[in-house]
């Protein structure tokens, strides 16, 4: 379970960083002197309240999702409300882009909001049932532990099979030092053979 102070801190820091970047972008408007750049910055300025609401509802939603059942039963509702504001922001982005890319496509935004609201709501309660009322972090840690245990079991089984095979073949465990010595002998023999060939060539030339 993620701690509530940590969730709040990360969300606030993220929004503060966004505000700093937006302030810098506003200061650069006279220097850049580009209409498209100015329009983009002004778009975020106009939607700042909406983005603040999105951040706040997202924060509340994440806090409820970090609770155990029955306290996380409100999480799908907050998630559904958050989805409405996300669709609203997408609508604003679509209208903004329509100025530059003229399209005659009219989307039923209200109907989309209603459909997404119910999808998020139903999916949220299904997720709570699948997780057994536990937060995502706990489920993730449980799955991680289960994978580690499976890996350890597979590793032990493999080691036992290798030991049995070694006993059947009457072999001892191969040590890295032994492998290193074999390589040394191999390269020594190659070097000695080359040296003998070189000496024979020298003898032939001297004759």
C-alpha atoms as a PDB file:
ATOM      1  CA  UNK A   1       0.000   0.000   0.000  1.00  0.00           C
ATOM      2  CA  UNK A   2       1.395   3.401  -1.003  1.00  0.00           C
ATOM      3  CA  UNK A   3       1.402   5.974   1.789  1.00  0.00           C
ATOM      4  CA  UNK A   4      -1.065   8.849   1.397  1.00  0.00           C
ATOM      5  CA  UNK A   5       1.577  11.568   2.115  1.00  0.00           C
ATOM      6  CA  UNK A   6       3.736  10.101  -0.657  1.00  0.00           C
ATOM      7  CA  UNK A   7       0.824  10.197  -3.140  1.00  0.00           C
ATOM      8  CA  UNK A   8      -0.049  13.792  -2.213  1.00  0.00           C
ATOM      9  CA  UNK A   9       3.595  14.887  -2.359  1.00  0.00           C
ATOM     10  CA  UNK A  10       4.199  13.352  -5.816  1.00  0.00           C
ATOM     11  CA  UNK A  11       1.027  14.900  -7.272  1.00  0.00           C
ATOM     12  CA  UNK A  12       1.728  18.369  -5.841  1.00  0.00           C
ATOM     13  CA  UNK A  13       5.358  18.311  -6.996  1.00  0.00           C
ATOM     14  CA  UNK A  14       4.245  17.238 -10.485  1.00  0.00           C
ATOM     15  CA  UNK A  15       1.751  20.096 -10.763  1.00  0.00           C
ATOM     16  CA  UNK A  16       4.258  22.649  -9.408  1.00  0.00           C
ATOM     17  CA  UNK A  17       6.796  21.544 -12.051  1.00  0.00           C
ATOM     18  CA  UNK A  18       4.087  21.971 -14.704  1.00  0.00           C
ATOM     19  CA  UNK A  19       3.314  25.517 -13.444  1.00  0.00           C
ATOM     20  CA  UNK A  20       7.019  26.429 -13.512  1.00  0.00           C
ATOM     21  CA  UNK A  21       7.359  25.182 -17.091  1.00  0.00           C
ATOM     22  CA  UNK A  22       4.196  27.059 -18.102  1.00  0.00           C
ATOM     23  CA  UNK A  23       5.530  30.261 -16.508  1.00  0.00           C
ATOM     24  CA  UNK A  24       8.811  29.873 -18.414  1.00  0.00           C
ATOM     25  CA  UNK A  25       6.848  29.272 -21.632  1.00  0.00           C
ATOM     26  CA  UNK A  26       4.878  32.501 -21.044  1.00  0.00           C
ATOM     27  CA  UNK A  27       8.090  34.454 -20.481  1.00  0.00           C
ATOM     28  CA  UNK A  28       9.508  33.150 -23.776  1.00  0.00           C
ATOM     29  CA  UNK A  29       6.530  34.358 -25.874  1.00  0.00           C
ATOM     30  CA  UNK A  30       8.112  37.779 -26.735  1.00  0.00           C
ATOM     31  CA  UNK A  31      11.451  36.132 -27.568  1.00  0.00           C
ATOM     32  CA  UNK A  32      10.093  33.362 -29.790  1.00  0.00           C
ATOM     33  CA  UNK A  33       7.458  35.548 -31.491  1.00  0.00           C
ATOM     34  CA  UNK A  34       5.627  32.653 -33.138  1.00  0.00           C
ATOM     35  CA  UNK A  35       1.831  32.521 -33.476  1.00  0.00           C
ATOM     36  CA  UNK A  36       1.563  28.748 -33.112  1.00  0.00           C
ATOM     37  CA  UNK A  37       3.766  28.780 -29.998  1.00  0.00           C
ATOM     38  CA  UNK A  38       1.741  31.643 -28.502  1.00  0.00           C
ATOM     39  CA  UNK A  39      -1.535  29.833 -29.218  1.00  0.00           C
ATOM     40  CA  UNK A  40      -0.305  26.641 -27.537  1.00  0.00           C
ATOM     41  CA  UNK A  41       0.837  28.501 -24.415  1.00  0.00           C
ATOM     42  CA  UNK A  42      -2.428  30.487 -24.283  1.00  0.00           C
ATOM     43  CA  UNK A  43      -4.374  27.231 -24.658  1.00  0.00           C
ATOM     44  CA  UNK A  44      -2.763  25.873 -21.485  1.00  0.00           C
ATOM     45  CA  UNK A  45      -3.299  29.223 -19.755  1.00  0.00           C
ATOM     46  CA  UNK A  46      -7.025  29.103 -20.538  1.00  0.00           C
ATOM     47  CA  UNK A  47      -7.317  25.467 -19.402  1.00  0.00           C
ATOM     48  CA  UNK A  48      -5.280  25.900 -16.234  1.00  0.00           C
ATOM     49  CA  UNK A  49      -8.336  25.624 -13.948  1.00  0.00           C
ATOM     50  CA  UNK A  50      -9.439  22.455 -15.749  1.00  0.00           C
ATOM     51  CA  UNK A  51      -5.960  20.979 -15.351  1.00  0.00           C
ATOM     52  CA  UNK A  52      -6.002  21.895 -11.649  1.00  0.00           C
ATOM     53  CA  UNK A  53      -9.365  20.099 -11.247  1.00  0.00           C
ATOM     54  CA  UNK A  54      -7.957  17.081 -13.112  1.00  0.00           C
ATOM     55  CA  UNK A  55      -4.957  16.983 -10.765  1.00  0.00           C
ATOM     56  CA  UNK A  56      -7.129  17.262  -7.647  1.00  0.00           C
ATOM     57  CA  UNK A  57      -9.633  14.569  -8.703  1.00  0.00           C
ATOM     58  CA  UNK A  58      -6.754  12.356  -9.857  1.00  0.00           C
ATOM     59  CA  UNK A  59      -5.157  12.776  -6.425  1.00  0.00           C
ATOM     60  CA  UNK A  60      -8.399  11.851  -4.611  1.00  0.00           C
ATOM     61  CA  UNK A  61      -8.901   8.900  -6.966  1.00  0.00           C
ATOM     62  CA  UNK A  62      -5.390   7.559  -6.359  1.00  0.00           C
ATOM     63  CA  UNK A  63      -5.824   7.898  -2.579  1.00  0.00           C
ATOM     64  CA  UNK A  64      -9.056   5.858  -2.648  1.00  0.00           C
ATOM     65  CA  UNK A  65      -7.415   3.196  -4.834  1.00  0.00           C
ATOM     66  CA  UNK A  66      -4.657   2.848  -2.220  1.00  0.00           C
ATOM     67  CA  UNK A  67      -7.203   1.793   0.458  1.00  0.00           C
ATOM     68  CA  UNK A  68      -8.398  -1.700   1.321  1.00  0.00           C
ATOM     69  CA  UNK A  69     -11.993  -2.835   0.922  1.00  0.00           C
ATOM     70  CA  UNK A  70     -14.533  -1.434   1.847  1.00  0.00           C
ATOM     71  CA  UNK A  71     -12.834   1.993   1.857  1.00  0.00           C
ATOM     72  CA  UNK A  72     -11.795   1.666  -1.804  1.00  0.00           C
ATOM     73  CA  UNK A  73     -15.404   1.167  -2.902  1.00  0.00           C
ATOM     74  CA  UNK A  74     -15.557   4.901  -3.776  1.00  0.00           C
ATOM     75  CA  UNK A  75     -12.522   4.625  -6.098  1.00  0.00           C
ATOM     76  CA  UNK A  76     -14.482   3.587  -9.238  1.00  0.00           C
ATOM     77  CA  UNK A  77     -16.833   6.562  -8.708  1.00  0.00           C
ATOM     78  CA  UNK A  78     -13.960   9.049  -8.437  1.00  0.00           C
ATOM     79  CA  UNK A  79     -12.349   7.364 -11.445  1.00  0.00           C
ATOM     80  CA  UNK A  80     -15.565   7.831 -13.451  1.00  0.00           C
ATOM     81  CA  UNK A  81     -15.756  11.515 -12.497  1.00  0.00           C
ATOM     82  CA  UNK A  82     -12.106  11.889 -13.479  1.00  0.00           C
ATOM     83  CA  UNK A  83     -12.866  10.327 -16.877  1.00  0.00           C
ATOM     84  CA  UNK A  84     -15.509  13.030 -17.555  1.00  0.00           C
ATOM     85  CA  UNK A  85     -12.950  15.805 -17.021  1.00  0.00           C
ATOM     86  CA  UNK A  86     -10.374  13.942 -19.119  1.00  0.00           C
ATOM     87  CA  UNK A  87     -12.871  13.719 -22.010  1.00  0.00           C
ATOM     88  CA  UNK A  88     -13.615  17.448 -21.529  1.00  0.00           C
ATOM     89  CA  UNK A  89      -9.900  18.263 -21.832  1.00  0.00           C
ATOM     90  CA  UNK A  90      -9.619  16.065 -24.936  1.00  0.00           C
ATOM     91  CA  UNK A  91     -12.612  17.957 -26.356  1.00  0.00           C
ATOM     92  CA  UNK A  92     -10.791  21.256 -25.805  1.00  0.00           C
ATOM     93  CA  UNK A  93      -7.647  19.877 -27.447  1.00  0.00           C
ATOM     94  CA  UNK A  94      -9.730  18.680 -30.405  1.00  0.00           C
ATOM     95  CA  UNK A  95     -11.304  22.138 -30.806  1.00  0.00           C
ATOM     96  CA  UNK A  96      -7.867  23.757 -30.590  1.00  0.00           C
ATOM     97  CA  UNK A  97      -6.395  21.480 -33.274  1.00  0.00           C
ATOM     98  CA  UNK A  98      -9.447  22.008 -35.482  1.00  0.00           C
ATOM     99  CA  UNK A  99      -8.313  25.607 -36.010  1.00  0.00           C
ATOM    100  CA  UNK A 100      -5.114  24.361 -37.689  1.00  0.00           C
ATOM    101  CA  UNK A 101      -6.452  21.151 -39.217  1.00  0.00           C
ATOM    102  CA  UNK A 102      -9.893  21.986 -40.582  1.00  0.00           C
ATOM    103  CA  UNK A 103     -12.115  18.928 -40.302  1.00  0.00           C
ATOM    104  CA  UNK A 104     -15.823  18.483 -40.765  1.00  0.00           C
ATOM    105  CA  UNK A 105     -16.049  15.698 -38.180  1.00  0.00           C
ATOM    106  CA  UNK A 106     -18.507  16.432 -35.373  1.00  0.00           C
ATOM    107  CA  UNK A 107     -18.095  14.082 -32.438  1.00  0.00           C
ATOM    108  CA  UNK A 108     -20.890  13.382 -29.904  1.00  0.00           C
ATOM    109  CA  UNK A 109     -18.887  14.466 -26.869  1.00  0.00           C
ATOM    110  CA  UNK A 110     -21.737  14.187 -24.344  1.00  0.00           C
ATOM    111  CA  UNK A 111     -22.518  10.635 -25.448  1.00  0.00           C
ATOM    112  CA  UNK A 112     -18.791   9.766 -25.275  1.00  0.00           C
ATOM    113  CA  UNK A 113     -18.625  11.126 -21.726  1.00  0.00           C
ATOM    114  CA  UNK A 114     -21.608   9.015 -20.617  1.00  0.00           C
ATOM    115  CA  UNK A 115     -20.263   5.836 -22.246  1.00  0.00           C
ATOM    116  CA  UNK A 116     -16.755   6.296 -20.804  1.00  0.00           C
ATOM    117  CA  UNK A 117     -18.230   7.124 -17.365  1.00  0.00           C
ATOM    118  CA  UNK A 118     -20.095   3.790 -17.182  1.00  0.00           C
ATOM    119  CA  UNK A 119     -17.206   1.787 -18.659  1.00  0.00           C
ATOM    120  CA  UNK A 120     -14.795   3.170 -16.051  1.00  0.00           C
ATOM    121  CA  UNK A 121     -17.309   2.635 -13.245  1.00  0.00           C
ATOM    122  CA  UNK A 122     -18.065  -1.003 -14.112  1.00  0.00           C
ATOM    123  CA  UNK A 123     -14.406  -1.795 -14.849  1.00  0.00           C
ATOM    124  CA  UNK A 124     -13.392  -0.274 -11.503  1.00  0.00           C
ATOM    125  CA  UNK A 125     -15.660  -2.580  -9.505  1.00  0.00           C
ATOM    126  CA  UNK A 126     -14.524  -5.595 -11.558  1.00  0.00           C
ATOM    127  CA  UNK A 127     -10.910  -4.688 -10.717  1.00  0.00           C
ATOM    128  CA  UNK A 128     -11.774  -4.501  -6.998  1.00  0.00           C
ATOM    129  CA  UNK A 129     -13.319  -7.991  -7.196  1.00  0.00           C
ATOM    130  CA  UNK A 130     -10.327  -9.416  -9.106  1.00  0.00           C
ATOM    131  CA  UNK A 131      -7.865  -7.945  -6.598  1.00  0.00           C
ATOM    132  CA  UNK A 132      -9.909  -9.207  -3.674  1.00  0.00           C
ATOM    133  CA  UNK A 133     -10.359  -5.697  -2.317  1.00  0.00           C
ATOM    134  CA  UNK A 134      -6.606  -5.119  -2.050  1.00  0.00           C
ATOM    135  CA  UNK A 135      -4.712  -2.076  -3.387  1.00  0.00           C
ATOM    136  CA  UNK A 136      -2.745  -2.387  -6.610  1.00  0.00           C
ATOM    137  CA  UNK A 137       0.600  -2.095  -4.799  1.00  0.00           C
ATOM    138  CA  UNK A 138      -0.186  -5.082  -2.561  1.00  0.00           C
ATOM    139  CA  UNK A 139      -1.289  -7.181  -5.531  1.00  0.00           C
ATOM    140  CA  UNK A 140       1.871  -6.215  -7.413  1.00  0.00           C
ATOM    141  CA  UNK A 141       4.085  -7.192  -4.473  1.00  0.00           C
ATOM    142  CA  UNK A 142       2.211 -10.495  -4.054  1.00  0.00           C
ATOM    143  CA  UNK A 143       2.655 -11.327  -7.754  1.00  0.00           C
ATOM    144  CA  UNK A 144       6.337 -10.382  -7.535  1.00  0.00           C
ATOM    145  CA  UNK A 145       6.868 -12.669  -4.512  1.00  0.00           C
ATOM    146  CA  UNK A 146       5.014 -15.499  -6.288  1.00  0.00           C
ATOM    147  CA  UNK A 147       7.250 -15.154  -9.360  1.00  0.00           C
ATOM    148  CA  UNK A 148      10.379 -15.157  -7.199  1.00  0.00           C
ATOM    149  CA  UNK A 149       9.208 -18.298  -5.366  1.00  0.00           C
ATOM    150  CA  UNK A 150       8.469 -20.040  -8.681  1.00  0.00           C
ATOM    151  CA  UNK A 151      11.900 -19.093  -9.997  1.00  0.00           C
ATOM    152  CA  UNK A 152      13.587 -20.445  -6.851  1.00  0.00           C
ATOM    153  CA  UNK A 153      11.670 -23.735  -7.143  1.00  0.00           C
ATOM    154  CA  UNK A 154      12.615 -24.082 -10.824  1.00  0.00           C
ATOM    155  CA  UNK A 155      16.223 -23.307  -9.950  1.00  0.00           C
ATOM    156  CA  UNK A 156      16.289 -25.979  -7.216  1.00  0.00           C
ATOM    157  CA  UNK A 157      14.700 -28.568  -9.550  1.00  0.00           C
ATOM    158  CA  UNK A 158      17.257 -27.776 -12.269  1.00  0.00           C
ATOM    159  CA  UNK A 159      20.163 -28.042  -9.823  1.00  0.00           C
ATOM    160  CA  UNK A 160      18.893 -31.422  -8.586  1.00  0.00           C
ATOM    161  CA  UNK A 161      18.579 -32.702 -12.179  1.00  0.00           C
ATOM    162  CA  UNK A 162      22.143 -31.587 -12.949  1.00  0.00           C
ATOM    163  CA  UNK A 163      23.454 -33.325  -9.815  1.00  0.00           C
ATOM    164  CA  UNK A 164      21.643 -36.558 -10.746  1.00  0.00           C
ATOM    165  CA  UNK A 165      23.051 -36.391 -14.271  1.00  0.00           C
ATOM    166  CA  UNK A 166      26.563 -35.838 -12.921  1.00  0.00           C
ATOM    167  CA  UNK A 167      26.222 -38.857 -10.611  1.00  0.00           C
ATOM    168  CA  UNK A 168      25.003 -41.047 -13.490  1.00  0.00           C
ATOM    169  CA  UNK A 169      27.913 -40.017 -15.686  1.00  0.00           C
ATOM    170  CA  UNK A 170      30.332 -40.375 -12.786  1.00  0.00           C
ATOM    171  CA  UNK A 171      31.531 -36.818 -13.170  1.00  0.00           C
ATOM    172  CA  UNK A 172      32.460 -34.318 -10.553  1.00  0.00           C
ATOM    173  CA  UNK A 173      31.430 -30.685 -10.651  1.00  0.00           C
ATOM    174  CA  UNK A 174      33.399 -28.681 -13.174  1.00  0.00           C
ATOM    175  CA  UNK A 175      35.203 -25.769 -11.519  1.00  0.00           C
ATOM    176  CA  UNK A 176      36.093 -22.565 -13.332  1.00  0.00           C
ATOM    177  CA  UNK A 177      39.710 -22.989 -12.327  1.00  0.00           C
ATOM    178  CA  UNK A 178      39.828 -26.326 -14.163  1.00  0.00           C
ATOM    179  CA  UNK A 179      38.331 -24.734 -17.246  1.00  0.00           C
ATOM    180  CA  UNK A 180      40.953 -22.007 -17.049  1.00  0.00           C
ATOM    181  CA  UNK A 181      43.794 -24.528 -16.856  1.00  0.00           C
ATOM    182  CA  UNK A 182      42.463 -26.405 -19.872  1.00  0.00           C
ATOM    183  CA  UNK A 183      42.493 -23.192 -21.884  1.00  0.00           C
ATOM    184  CA  UNK A 184      46.053 -22.484 -20.733  1.00  0.00           C
ATOM    185  CA  UNK A 185      47.235 -25.934 -21.853  1.00  0.00           C
ATOM    186  CA  UNK A 186      45.400 -25.518 -25.178  1.00  0.00           C
ATOM    187  CA  UNK A 187      47.041 -22.180 -25.969  1.00  0.00           C
ATOM    188  CA  UNK A 188      50.430 -23.472 -24.734  1.00  0.00           C
ATOM    189  CA  UNK A 189      50.269 -26.401 -27.177  1.00  0.00           C
ATOM    190  CA  UNK A 190      49.352 -24.074 -30.055  1.00  0.00           C
ATOM    191  CA  UNK A 191      52.251 -21.775 -29.168  1.00  0.00           C
ATOM    192  CA  UNK A 192      54.675 -24.673 -28.939  1.00  0.00           C
ATOM    193  CA  UNK A 193      53.562 -26.035 -32.342  1.00  0.00           C
ATOM    194  CA  UNK A 194      54.022 -22.637 -33.999  1.00  0.00           C
ATOM    195  CA  UNK A 195      57.447 -22.274 -32.378  1.00  0.00           C
ATOM    196  CA  UNK A 196      58.562 -25.680 -33.703  1.00  0.00           C
ATOM    197  CA  UNK A 197      57.400 -24.784 -37.233  1.00  0.00           C
ATOM    198  CA  UNK A 198      59.282 -21.503 -37.057  1.00  0.00           C
ATOM    199  CA  UNK A 199      62.471 -23.259 -35.901  1.00  0.00           C
ATOM    200  CA  UNK A 200      62.206 -25.816 -38.739  1.00  0.00           C
ATOM    201  CA  UNK A 201      61.908 -22.997 -41.311  1.00  0.00           C
ATOM    202  CA  UNK A 202      64.991 -21.327 -39.866  1.00  0.00           C
ATOM    203  CA  UNK A 203      66.985 -24.570 -40.063  1.00  0.00           C
ATOM    204  CA  UNK A 204      65.989 -25.076 -43.719  1.00  0.00           C
ATOM    205  CA  UNK A 205      67.078 -21.544 -44.640  1.00  0.00           C
ATOM    206  CA  UNK A 206      70.416 -21.911 -42.855  1.00  0.00           C
ATOM    207  CA  UNK A 207      71.157 -25.081 -44.867  1.00  0.00           C
END
